Amino acid sequence: MRIGAGLTQAVRQAERQGIAPELIYDLIEQASEEGARRALAQLGLSDGQAGTDITELRLLLDSWRDVRRTALQALVRWLMRLCFSALILGLAVKFKLLQLGQIFGQ
């Protein structure tokens, strides 16, 4: 059973027993707020600095993503340079513009 469907069923049952819908919804609202407070307290986010902490964590996460992306781009650039250098070196040897055999003693 879904939570929403169970809540709807509980509200209907309470209404059948003569409890005012406003009272039911007030109780649900109070219970929701208390549950949210407890959840935030368990996460250590119940003090006045919680908003600042969340903002700092988001900035840190954004910075980490930027660093990771930049590092990956740098790695790809270096690999491409390495491949192009090897290709140019191979072409130079192929067209006898460079004599690697003489350099390595052959």
Protein backbone atom coordinates (compact mmCIF):
# COMPACT_ATOMS: atom_id res chain seq x y z
CA MET A 1 0.00 0.00 0.00
CA ARG A 2 1.31 3.45 -0.86
CA ILE A 3 1.78 5.98 1.91
CA GLY A 4 -0.55 8.48 0.25
CA ALA A 5 -3.30 5.90 -0.15
CA GLY A 6 -2.93 4.82 3.48
CA LEU A 7 -3.15 8.39 4.68
CA THR A 8 -6.26 9.00 2.60
CA GLN A 9 -7.83 5.87 4.02
CA ALA A 10 -7.01 6.95 7.61
CA VAL A 11 -8.54 10.40 6.99
CA ARG A 12 -11.73 8.84 5.62
CA GLN A 13 -11.97 6.46 8.55
CA ALA A 14 -11.49 9.32 11.03
CA GLU A 15 -14.17 11.38 9.25
CA ARG A 16 -16.57 8.42 9.50
CA GLN A 17 -15.98 8.40 13.24
CA GLY A 18 -16.96 12.05 13.46
CA ILE A 19 -13.57 13.72 13.73
CA ALA A 20 -13.43 17.08 11.95
CA PRO A 21 -11.28 17.07 8.77
CA GLU A 22 -9.52 20.26 9.94
CA LEU A 23 -8.36 18.50 13.12
CA ILE A 24 -7.13 15.53 11.12
CA TYR A 25 -5.13 17.71 8.75
CA ASP A 26 -3.71 19.73 11.66
CA LEU A 27 -2.52 16.50 13.29
CA ILE A 28 -1.00 15.33 10.01
CA GLU A 29 0.79 18.67 9.57
CA GLN A 30 2.17 18.58 13.13
CA ALA A 31 3.34 14.99 12.71
CA SER A 32 5.01 15.83 9.38
CA GLU A 33 6.85 18.80 10.87
CA GLU A 34 8.02 16.76 13.85
CA GLY A 35 9.22 13.99 11.54
CA ALA A 36 11.13 16.52 9.44
CA ARG A 37 12.75 18.00 12.58
CA ARG A 38 13.83 14.55 13.74
CA ALA A 39 15.25 13.67 10.34
CA LEU A 40 17.24 16.92 10.20
CA ALA A 41 18.49 16.36 13.76
CA GLN A 42 19.68 12.86 12.84
CA LEU A 43 21.60 14.36 9.92
CA GLY A 44 23.12 17.01 12.17
CA LEU A 45 21.29 19.81 10.38
CA SER A 46 19.03 21.06 13.16
CA ASP A 47 21.04 24.09 14.24
CA GLY A 48 21.04 27.65 12.88
CA GLN A 49 24.09 26.99 10.70
CA ALA A 50 22.41 24.21 8.71
CA GLY A 51 21.62 26.46 5.74
CA THR A 52 25.21 27.65 5.57
CA ASP A 53 26.46 24.07 5.87
CA ILE A 54 24.28 22.93 2.97
CA THR A 55 25.45 25.88 0.85
CA GLU A 56 29.09 25.08 1.59
CA LEU A 57 28.57 21.41 0.79
CA ARG A 58 26.97 22.31 -2.54
CA LEU A 59 29.87 24.64 -3.38
CA LEU A 60 32.35 21.93 -2.44
CA LEU A 61 30.53 19.40 -4.61
CA ASP A 62 30.42 21.83 -7.54
CA SER A 63 34.16 22.47 -7.13
CA TRP A 64 34.86 18.73 -7.06
CA ARG A 65 32.87 18.26 -10.27
CA ASP A 66 34.80 21.10 -11.94
CA VAL A 67 38.14 19.61 -10.88
CA ARG A 68 37.14 16.16 -12.09
CA ARG A 69 35.97 17.53 -15.45
CA THR A 70 39.14 19.61 -15.88
CA ALA A 71 41.38 16.67 -15.00
CA LEU A 72 39.57 14.47 -17.52
CA GLN A 73 39.91 17.12 -20.22
CA ALA A 74 43.64 17.47 -19.47
CA LEU A 75 44.10 13.70 -19.66
CA VAL A 76 42.33 13.54 -23.02
CA ARG A 77 44.47 16.41 -24.34
CA TRP A 78 47.68 14.69 -23.28
CA LEU A 79 46.59 11.40 -24.82
CA MET A 80 45.72 13.13 -28.08
CA ARG A 81 49.09 14.92 -28.11
CA LEU A 82 50.84 11.61 -27.49
CA CYS A 83 48.95 9.93 -30.34
CA PHE A 84 49.60 12.79 -32.77
CA SER A 85 53.28 12.88 -31.79
CA ALA A 86 53.61 9.15 -32.41
CA LEU A 87 51.83 9.56 -35.75
CA ILE A 88 54.11 12.42 -36.83
CA LEU A 89 57.19 10.50 -35.69
CA GLY A 90 56.03 7.44 -37.62
CA LEU A 91 55.42 9.50 -40.76
CA ALA A 92 58.86 11.13 -40.44
CA VAL A 93 60.52 7.72 -40.26
CA LYS A 94 58.38 6.35 -43.10
CA PHE A 95 59.32 9.21 -45.42
CA LYS A 96 62.95 9.02 -44.28
CA LEU A 97 62.89 12.50 -42.85
CA LEU A 98 64.27 11.05 -39.65
CA GLN A 99 66.75 8.19 -39.37
CA LEU A 100 65.95 6.50 -36.05
CA GLY A 101 68.15 3.52 -36.94
CA GLN A 102 71.27 5.69 -36.79
CA ILE A 103 70.21 7.17 -33.48
CA PHE A 104 69.72 3.74 -31.88
CA GLY A 105 72.85 2.21 -33.43
CA GLN A 106 71.39 0.14 -36.22
